[in-house]
């Protein structure tokens, strides 16, 4: 029988909560991006705003203590998905 460390299940429960919160925030971000896409279309602006995307990526990677390449790759995927949802 596998012996579990005291607190292991509590840590796993907390990870599950964090994962759910991350998912909720990504969904919220996508919904806001869709609204931005509608506004851009009304204003006749292009959907991709590469300057803004670079600004977001730079800000995020500068503000983390985690591996910057790792964080950048995560946010590049999120931004790409949001951009596709704006179309």
PDB file of N, CA and C in Angstrom:
ATOM      1  N   UNK A   1       0.843  -1.184   0.000  1.00  0.00           N
ATOM      2  CA  UNK A   1       0.000   0.000   0.000  1.00  0.00           C
ATOM      3  C   UNK A   1       0.888   1.248   0.000  1.00  0.00           C
ATOM      4  N   UNK A   2       0.563   2.164  -0.879  1.00  0.00           N
ATOM      5  CA  UNK A   2       1.330   3.407  -0.990  1.00  0.00           C
ATOM      6  C   UNK A   2       1.046   4.297   0.209  1.00  0.00           C
ATOM      7  N   UNK A   3       2.130   4.768   0.810  1.00  0.00           N
ATOM      8  CA  UNK A   3       1.964   5.667   1.937  1.00  0.00           C
ATOM      9  C   UNK A   3       1.986   7.103   1.430  1.00  0.00           C
ATOM     10  N   UNK A   4       1.047   7.896   1.860  1.00  0.00           N
ATOM     11  CA  UNK A   4       0.946   9.282   1.430  1.00  0.00           C
ATOM     12  C   UNK A   4       1.498  10.186   2.511  1.00  0.00           C
ATOM     13  N   UNK A   5       2.206  11.187   2.057  1.00  0.00           N
ATOM     14  CA  UNK A   5       2.737  12.177   2.992  1.00  0.00           C
ATOM     15  C   UNK A   5       1.578  13.008   3.522  1.00  0.00           C
ATOM     16  N   UNK A   6       1.638  13.346   4.797  1.00  0.00           N
ATOM     17  CA  UNK A   6       0.605  14.257   5.298  1.00  0.00           C
ATOM     18  C   UNK A   6       0.672  15.556   4.495  1.00  0.00           C
ATOM     19  N   UNK A   7      -0.457  16.006   4.064  1.00  0.00           N
ATOM     20  CA  UNK A   7      -0.497  17.260   3.309  1.00  0.00           C
ATOM     21  C   UNK A   7      -0.465  17.082   1.804  1.00  0.00           C
ATOM     22  N   UNK A   8      -0.109  15.906   1.314  1.00  0.00           N
ATOM     23  CA  UNK A   8      -0.032  15.691  -0.130  1.00  0.00           C
ATOM     24  C   UNK A   8      -1.388  15.937  -0.792  1.00  0.00           C
ATOM     25  N   UNK A   9      -2.420  15.364  -0.240  1.00  0.00           N
ATOM     26  CA  UNK A   9      -3.751  15.555  -0.807  1.00  0.00           C
ATOM     27  C   UNK A   9      -4.179  17.015  -0.734  1.00  0.00           C
ATOM     28  N   UNK A  10      -3.803  17.690   0.326  1.00  0.00           N
ATOM     29  CA  UNK A  10      -4.126  19.117   0.456  1.00  0.00           C
ATOM     30  C   UNK A  10      -3.411  19.919  -0.632  1.00  0.00           C
ATOM     31  N   UNK A  11      -2.146  19.594  -0.887  1.00  0.00           N
ATOM     32  CA  UNK A  11      -1.410  20.288  -1.954  1.00  0.00           C
ATOM     33  C   UNK A  11      -2.064  20.018  -3.314  1.00  0.00           C
ATOM     34  N   UNK A  12      -2.445  18.776  -3.543  1.00  0.00           N
ATOM     35  CA  UNK A  12      -3.091  18.434  -4.806  1.00  0.00           C
ATOM     36  C   UNK A  12      -4.436  19.145  -4.955  1.00  0.00           C
ATOM     37  N   UNK A  13      -5.184  19.232  -3.874  1.00  0.00           N
ATOM     38  CA  UNK A  13      -6.459  19.943  -3.900  1.00  0.00           C
ATOM     39  C   UNK A  13      -6.232  21.412  -4.255  1.00  0.00           C
ATOM     40  N   UNK A  14      -5.208  21.992  -3.671  1.00  0.00           N
ATOM     41  CA  UNK A  14      -4.899  23.407  -3.945  1.00  0.00           C
ATOM     42  C   UNK A  14      -4.476  23.597  -5.405  1.00  0.00           C
ATOM     43  N   UNK A  15      -3.690  22.666  -5.946  1.00  0.00           N
ATOM     44  CA  UNK A  15      -3.303  22.721  -7.361  1.00  0.00           C
ATOM     45  C   UNK A  15      -4.555  22.672  -8.234  1.00  0.00           C
ATOM     46  N   UNK A  16      -5.493  21.789  -7.896  1.00  0.00           N
ATOM     47  CA  UNK A  16      -6.749  21.700  -8.655  1.00  0.00           C
ATOM     48  C   UNK A  16      -7.501  23.030  -8.627  1.00  0.00           C
ATOM     49  N   UNK A  17      -7.538  23.667  -7.474  1.00  0.00           N
ATOM     50  CA  UNK A  17      -8.201  24.972  -7.363  1.00  0.00           C
ATOM     51  C   UNK A  17      -7.513  26.009  -8.245  1.00  0.00           C
ATOM     52  N   UNK A  18      -6.197  26.005  -8.212  1.00  0.00           N
ATOM     53  CA  UNK A  18      -5.425  26.959  -9.020  1.00  0.00           C
ATOM     54  C   UNK A  18      -5.664  26.706 -10.499  1.00  0.00           C
ATOM     55  N   UNK A  19      -5.650  25.434 -10.905  1.00  0.00           N
ATOM     56  CA  UNK A  19      -5.910  25.100 -12.308  1.00  0.00           C
ATOM     57  C   UNK A  19      -7.279  25.602 -12.750  1.00  0.00           C
ATOM     58  N   UNK A  20      -8.282  25.422 -11.904  1.00  0.00           N
ATOM     59  CA  UNK A  20      -9.624  25.913 -12.229  1.00  0.00           C
ATOM     60  C   UNK A  20      -9.652  27.431 -12.353  1.00  0.00           C
ATOM     61  N   UNK A  21      -8.925  28.114 -11.501  1.00  0.00           N
ATOM     62  CA  UNK A  21      -8.864  29.579 -11.557  1.00  0.00           C
ATOM     63  C   UNK A  21      -8.136  30.038 -12.822  1.00  0.00           C
ATOM     64  N   UNK A  22      -7.048  29.358 -13.174  1.00  0.00           N
ATOM     65  CA  UNK A  22      -6.332  29.692 -14.416  1.00  0.00           C
ATOM     66  C   UNK A  22      -7.273  29.538 -15.605  1.00  0.00           C
ATOM     67  N   UNK A  23      -7.997  28.428 -15.649  1.00  0.00           N
ATOM     68  CA  UNK A  23      -8.936  28.193 -16.739  1.00  0.00           C
ATOM     69  C   UNK A  23     -10.010  29.280 -16.788  1.00  0.00           C
ATOM     70  N   UNK A  24     -10.557  29.631 -15.645  1.00  0.00           N
ATOM     71  CA  UNK A  24     -11.574  30.684 -15.590  1.00  0.00           C
ATOM     72  C   UNK A  24     -11.023  32.008 -16.121  1.00  0.00           C
ATOM     73  N   UNK A  25      -9.803  32.339 -15.746  1.00  0.00           N
ATOM     74  CA  UNK A  25      -9.200  33.594 -16.194  1.00  0.00           C
ATOM     75  C   UNK A  25      -8.902  33.586 -17.689  1.00  0.00           C
ATOM     76  N   UNK A  26      -8.478  32.441 -18.216  1.00  0.00           N
ATOM     77  CA  UNK A  26      -8.246  32.349 -19.660  1.00  0.00           C
ATOM     78  C   UNK A  26      -9.567  32.530 -20.405  1.00  0.00           C
ATOM     79  N   UNK A  27     -10.620  31.888 -19.906  1.00  0.00           N
ATOM     80  CA  UNK A  27     -11.935  32.053 -20.532  1.00  0.00           C
ATOM     81  C   UNK A  27     -12.376  33.509 -20.497  1.00  0.00           C
ATOM     82  N   UNK A  28     -12.144  34.175 -19.393  1.00  0.00           N
ATOM     83  CA  UNK A  28     -12.492  35.592 -19.276  1.00  0.00           C
ATOM     84  C   UNK A  28     -11.686  36.425 -20.264  1.00  0.00           C
ATOM     85  N   UNK A  29     -10.401  36.101 -20.396  1.00  0.00           N
ATOM     86  CA  UNK A  29      -9.533  36.825 -21.330  1.00  0.00           C
ATOM     87  C   UNK A  29     -10.025  36.658 -22.765  1.00  0.00           C
ATOM     88  N   UNK A  30     -10.411  35.442 -23.122  1.00  0.00           N
ATOM     89  CA  UNK A  30     -10.917  35.174 -24.470  1.00  0.00           C
ATOM     90  C   UNK A  30     -12.193  35.982 -24.724  1.00  0.00           C
ATOM     91  N   UNK A  31     -13.093  36.009 -23.753  1.00  0.00           N
ATOM     92  CA  UNK A  31     -14.335  36.773 -23.914  1.00  0.00           C
ATOM     93  C   UNK A  31     -14.072  38.259 -24.101  1.00  0.00           C
ATOM     94  N   UNK A  32     -13.128  38.791 -23.367  1.00  0.00           N
ATOM     95  CA  UNK A  32     -12.770  40.208 -23.525  1.00  0.00           C
ATOM     96  C   UNK A  32     -12.119  40.433 -24.885  1.00  0.00           C
ATOM     97  N   UNK A  33     -11.274  39.501 -25.306  1.00  0.00           N
ATOM     98  CA  UNK A  33     -10.625  39.621 -26.622  1.00  0.00           C
ATOM     99  C   UNK A  33     -11.665  39.645 -27.739  1.00  0.00           C
ATOM    100  N   UNK A  34     -12.714  38.846 -27.603  1.00  0.00           N
ATOM    101  CA  UNK A  34     -13.795  38.863 -28.602  1.00  0.00           C
ATOM    102  C   UNK A  34     -14.445  40.240 -28.672  1.00  0.00           C
ATOM    103  N   UNK A  35     -14.666  40.848 -27.516  1.00  0.00           N
ATOM    104  CA  UNK A  35     -15.246  42.194 -27.480  1.00  0.00           C
ATOM    105  C   UNK A  35     -14.310  43.201 -28.146  1.00  0.00           C
ATOM    106  N   UNK A  36     -13.031  43.058 -27.878  1.00  0.00           N
ATOM    107  CA  UNK A  36     -12.039  43.942 -28.510  1.00  0.00           C
ATOM    108  C   UNK A  36     -12.077  43.759 -30.021  1.00  0.00           C
ATOM    109  N   UNK A  37     -12.194  42.503 -30.473  1.00  0.00           N
ATOM    110  CA  UNK A  37     -12.280  42.227 -31.908  1.00  0.00           C
ATOM    111  C   UNK A  37     -13.461  42.921 -32.554  1.00  0.00           C
ATOM    112  N   UNK A  38     -14.605  42.902 -31.881  1.00  0.00           N
ATOM    113  CA  UNK A  38     -15.796  43.580 -32.410  1.00  0.00           C
ATOM    114  C   UNK A  38     -15.558  45.090 -32.521  1.00  0.00           C
ATOM    115  N   UNK A  39     -14.917  45.653 -31.492  1.00  0.00           N
ATOM    116  CA  UNK A  39     -14.618  47.091 -31.513  1.00  0.00           C
ATOM    117  C   UNK A  39     -13.645  47.428 -32.627  1.00  0.00           C
ATOM    118  N   UNK A  40     -12.638  46.588 -32.814  1.00  0.00           N
ATOM    119  CA  UNK A  40     -11.663  46.821 -33.893  1.00  0.00           C
ATOM    120  C   UNK A  40     -12.365  46.807 -35.250  1.00  0.00           C
ATOM    121  N   UNK A  41     -13.274  45.860 -35.441  1.00  0.00           N
ATOM    122  CA  UNK A  41     -13.998  45.777 -36.715  1.00  0.00           C
ATOM    123  C   UNK A  41     -14.837  47.031 -36.947  1.00  0.00           C
ATOM    124  N   UNK A  42     -15.509  47.509 -35.892  1.00  0.00           N
ATOM    125  CA  UNK A  42     -16.309  48.735 -36.007  1.00  0.00           C
ATOM    126  C   UNK A  42     -15.438  49.915 -36.417  1.00  0.00           C
ATOM    127  N   UNK A  43     -14.225  49.958 -35.879  1.00  0.00           N
ATOM    128  CA  UNK A  43     -13.313  51.068 -36.141  1.00  0.00           C
ATOM    129  C   UNK A  43     -12.485  50.869 -37.406  1.00  0.00           C
ATOM    130  N   UNK A  44     -12.643  49.706 -38.038  1.00  0.00           N
ATOM    131  CA  UNK A  44     -11.894  49.425 -39.261  1.00  0.00           C
ATOM    132  C   UNK A  44     -10.426  49.122 -39.004  1.00  0.00           C
ATOM    133  N   UNK A  45     -10.118  48.658 -37.807  1.00  0.00           N
ATOM    134  CA  UNK A  45      -8.730  48.346 -37.463  1.00  0.00           C
ATOM    135  C   UNK A  45      -8.433  46.876 -37.731  1.00  0.00           C
ATOM    136  N   UNK A  46      -7.157  46.611 -37.963  1.00  0.00           N
ATOM    137  CA  UNK A  46      -6.722  45.233 -38.155  1.00  0.00           C
ATOM    138  C   UNK A  46      -6.834  44.467 -36.849  1.00  0.00           C
ATOM    139  N   UNK A  47      -7.162  43.182 -36.946  1.00  0.00           N
ATOM    140  CA  UNK A  47      -7.259  42.345 -35.751  1.00  0.00           C
ATOM    141  C   UNK A  47      -5.888  42.158 -35.101  1.00  0.00           C
ATOM    142  N   UNK A  48      -4.881  41.707 -35.845  1.00  0.00           N
ATOM    143  CA  UNK A  48      -3.597  41.568 -35.145  1.00  0.00           C
ATOM    144  C   UNK A  48      -3.002  42.942 -34.857  1.00  0.00           C
ATOM    145  N   UNK A  49      -2.650  43.152 -33.625  1.00  0.00           N
ATOM    146  CA  UNK A  49      -1.966  44.380 -33.210  1.00  0.00           C
ATOM    147  C   UNK A  49      -0.624  43.932 -32.644  1.00  0.00           C
ATOM    148  N   UNK A  50       0.325  43.752 -33.558  1.00  0.00           N
ATOM    149  CA  UNK A  50       1.605  43.163 -33.175  1.00  0.00           C
ATOM    150  C   UNK A  50       2.356  44.009 -32.156  1.00  0.00           C
ATOM    151  N   UNK A  51       2.190  45.316 -32.220  1.00  0.00           N
ATOM    152  CA  UNK A  51       2.826  46.188 -31.237  1.00  0.00           C
ATOM    153  C   UNK A  51       2.283  45.931 -29.840  1.00  0.00           C
ATOM    154  N   UNK A  52       0.973  45.812 -29.742  1.00  0.00           N
ATOM    155  CA  UNK A  52       0.329  45.532 -28.446  1.00  0.00           C
ATOM    156  C   UNK A  52       0.723  44.142 -27.947  1.00  0.00           C
ATOM    157  N   UNK A  53       0.746  43.170 -28.851  1.00  0.00           N
ATOM    158  CA  UNK A  53       1.126  41.816 -28.453  1.00  0.00           C
ATOM    159  C   UNK A  53       2.549  41.786 -27.900  1.00  0.00           C
ATOM    160  N   UNK A  54       3.459  42.490 -28.567  1.00  0.00           N
ATOM    161  CA  UNK A  54       4.848  42.555 -28.089  1.00  0.00           C
ATOM    162  C   UNK A  54       4.910  43.227 -26.723  1.00  0.00           C
ATOM    163  N   UNK A  55       4.138  44.294 -26.560  1.00  0.00           N
ATOM    164  CA  UNK A  55       4.094  45.010 -25.281  1.00  0.00           C
ATOM    165  C   UNK A  55       3.627  44.076 -24.164  1.00  0.00           C
ATOM    166  N   UNK A  56       2.578  43.307 -24.414  1.00  0.00           N
ATOM    167  CA  UNK A  56       2.047  42.371 -23.413  1.00  0.00           C
ATOM    168  C   UNK A  56       3.092  41.312 -23.081  1.00  0.00           C
ATOM    169  N   UNK A  57       3.694  40.724 -24.105  1.00  0.00           N
ATOM    170  CA  UNK A  57       4.686  39.666 -23.882  1.00  0.00           C
ATOM    171  C   UNK A  57       5.901  40.191 -23.116  1.00  0.00           C
ATOM    172  N   UNK A  58       6.369  41.367 -23.490  1.00  0.00           N
ATOM    173  CA  UNK A  58       7.524  41.947 -22.796  1.00  0.00           C
ATOM    174  C   UNK A  58       7.205  42.216 -21.329  1.00  0.00           C
ATOM    175  N   UNK A  59       6.040  42.780 -21.081  1.00  0.00           N
ATOM    176  CA  UNK A  59       5.637  43.108 -19.709  1.00  0.00           C
ATOM    177  C   UNK A  59       5.532  41.842 -18.856  1.00  0.00           C
ATOM    178  N   UNK A  60       4.906  40.818 -19.406  1.00  0.00           N
ATOM    179  CA  UNK A  60       4.719  39.565 -18.675  1.00  0.00           C
ATOM    180  C   UNK A  60       6.063  38.915 -18.372  1.00  0.00           C
ATOM    181  N   UNK A  61       6.916  38.829 -19.385  1.00  0.00           N
ATOM    182  CA  UNK A  61       8.191  38.129 -19.168  1.00  0.00           C
ATOM    183  C   UNK A  61       9.130  38.905 -18.248  1.00  0.00           C
ATOM    184  N   UNK A  62       8.987  40.212 -18.213  1.00  0.00           N
ATOM    185  CA  UNK A  62       9.823  41.002 -17.319  1.00  0.00           C
ATOM    186  C   UNK A  62       9.358  40.920 -15.870  1.00  0.00           C
ATOM    187  N   UNK A  63       8.088  40.551 -15.664  1.00  0.00           N
ATOM    188  CA  UNK A  63       7.542  40.590 -14.309  1.00  0.00           C
ATOM    189  C   UNK A  63       7.494  39.222 -13.626  1.00  0.00           C
ATOM    190  N   UNK A  64       8.169  38.225 -14.189  1.00  0.00           N
ATOM    191  CA  UNK A  64       8.127  36.895 -13.589  1.00  0.00           C
ATOM    192  C   UNK A  64       9.487  36.468 -13.069  1.00  0.00           C
ATOM    193  N   UNK A  65       9.431  35.624 -12.075  1.00  0.00           N
ATOM    194  CA  UNK A  65      10.650  35.007 -11.569  1.00  0.00           C
ATOM    195  C   UNK A  65      10.843  33.620 -12.166  1.00  0.00           C
ATOM    196  N   UNK A  66       9.839  33.161 -12.919  1.00  0.00           N
ATOM    197  CA  UNK A  66       9.920  31.864 -13.586  1.00  0.00           C
ATOM    198  C   UNK A  66      10.752  31.989 -14.856  1.00  0.00           C
ATOM    199  N   UNK A  67      11.014  30.874 -15.486  1.00  0.00           N
ATOM    200  CA  UNK A  67      11.758  30.873 -16.742  1.00  0.00           C
ATOM    201  C   UNK A  67      11.016  31.719 -17.774  1.00  0.00           C
ATOM    202  N   UNK A  68      11.671  32.744 -18.262  1.00  0.00           N
ATOM    203  CA  UNK A  68      11.008  33.704 -19.143  1.00  0.00           C
ATOM    204  C   UNK A  68      10.583  33.088 -20.472  1.00  0.00           C
ATOM    205  N   UNK A  69      11.383  32.188 -21.003  1.00  0.00           N
ATOM    206  CA  UNK A  69      11.022  31.528 -22.252  1.00  0.00           C
ATOM    207  C   UNK A  69       9.766  30.691 -22.088  1.00  0.00           C
ATOM    208  N   UNK A  70       9.673  30.007 -20.963  1.00  0.00           N
ATOM    209  CA  UNK A  70       8.507  29.177 -20.656  1.00  0.00           C
ATOM    210  C   UNK A  70       7.244  30.036 -20.560  1.00  0.00           C
ATOM    211  N   UNK A  71       7.332  31.109 -19.796  1.00  0.00           N
ATOM    212  CA  UNK A  71       6.183  32.004 -19.619  1.00  0.00           C
ATOM    213  C   UNK A  71       5.805  32.658 -20.939  1.00  0.00           C
ATOM    214  N   UNK A  72       6.809  33.089 -21.687  1.00  0.00           N
ATOM    215  CA  UNK A  72       6.541  33.716 -22.982  1.00  0.00           C
ATOM    216  C   UNK A  72       5.800  32.749 -23.904  1.00  0.00           C
ATOM    217  N   UNK A  73       6.222  31.485 -23.930  1.00  0.00           N
ATOM    218  CA  UNK A  73       5.573  30.519 -24.819  1.00  0.00           C
ATOM    219  C   UNK A  73       4.117  30.285 -24.421  1.00  0.00           C
ATOM    220  N   UNK A  74       3.843  30.253 -23.127  1.00  0.00           N
ATOM    221  CA  UNK A  74       2.455  30.102 -22.669  1.00  0.00           C
ATOM    222  C   UNK A  74       1.615  31.275 -23.151  1.00  0.00           C
ATOM    223  N   UNK A  75       2.104  32.483 -22.936  1.00  0.00           N
ATOM    224  CA  UNK A  75       1.329  33.663 -23.307  1.00  0.00           C
ATOM    225  C   UNK A  75       1.238  33.847 -24.815  1.00  0.00           C
ATOM    226  N   UNK A  76       2.241  33.401 -25.563  1.00  0.00           N
ATOM    227  CA  UNK A  76       2.128  33.446 -27.020  1.00  0.00           C
ATOM    228  C   UNK A  76       0.959  32.585 -27.485  1.00  0.00           C
ATOM    229  N   UNK A  77       0.802  31.427 -26.868  1.00  0.00           N
ATOM    230  CA  UNK A  77      -0.321  30.546 -27.212  1.00  0.00           C
ATOM    231  C   UNK A  77      -1.660  31.182 -26.845  1.00  0.00           C
ATOM    232  N   UNK A  78      -1.726  31.763 -25.669  1.00  0.00           N
ATOM    233  CA  UNK A  78      -2.972  32.415 -25.231  1.00  0.00           C
ATOM    234  C   UNK A  78      -3.317  33.569 -26.170  1.00  0.00           C
ATOM    235  N   UNK A  79      -2.339  34.385 -26.500  1.00  0.00           N
ATOM    236  CA  UNK A  79      -2.569  35.528 -27.384  1.00  0.00           C
ATOM    237  C   UNK A  79      -2.986  35.048 -28.767  1.00  0.00           C
ATOM    238  N   UNK A  80      -2.329  34.027 -29.279  1.00  0.00           N
ATOM    239  CA  UNK A  80      -2.680  33.494 -30.598  1.00  0.00           C
ATOM    240  C   UNK A  80      -4.132  33.008 -30.603  1.00  0.00           C
ATOM    241  N   UNK A  81      -4.523  32.299 -29.555  1.00  0.00           N
ATOM    242  CA  UNK A  81      -5.892  31.808 -29.471  1.00  0.00           C
ATOM    243  C   UNK A  81      -6.881  32.969 -29.415  1.00  0.00           C
ATOM    244  N   UNK A  82      -6.578  33.963 -28.591  1.00  0.00           N
ATOM    245  CA  UNK A  82      -7.461  35.129 -28.483  1.00  0.00           C
ATOM    246  C   UNK A  82      -7.580  35.845 -29.821  1.00  0.00           C
ATOM    247  N   UNK A  83      -6.468  35.986 -30.525  1.00  0.00           N
ATOM    248  CA  UNK A  83      -6.479  36.653 -31.836  1.00  0.00           C
ATOM    249  C   UNK A  83      -7.382  35.884 -32.808  1.00  0.00           C
ATOM    250  N   UNK A  84      -7.266  34.565 -32.805  1.00  0.00           N
ATOM    251  CA  UNK A  84      -8.109  33.749 -33.690  1.00  0.00           C
ATOM    252  C   UNK A  84      -9.585  33.890 -33.337  1.00  0.00           C
ATOM    253  N   UNK A  85      -9.890  34.029 -32.069  1.00  0.00           N
ATOM    254  CA  UNK A  85     -11.277  34.199 -31.625  1.00  0.00           C
ATOM    255  C   UNK A  85     -11.841  35.566 -31.995  1.00  0.00           C
ATOM    256  N   UNK A  86     -10.976  36.516 -32.270  1.00  0.00           N
ATOM    257  CA  UNK A  86     -11.442  37.848 -32.658  1.00  0.00           C
ATOM    258  C   UNK A  86     -11.938  37.879 -34.099  1.00  0.00           C
ATOM    259  N   UNK A  87     -11.544  36.924 -34.896  1.00  0.00           N
ATOM    260  CA  UNK A  87     -11.946  36.885 -36.314  1.00  0.00           C
ATOM    261  C   UNK A  87     -13.348  36.382 -36.500  1.00  0.00           C
TER     262      UNK A  87
END
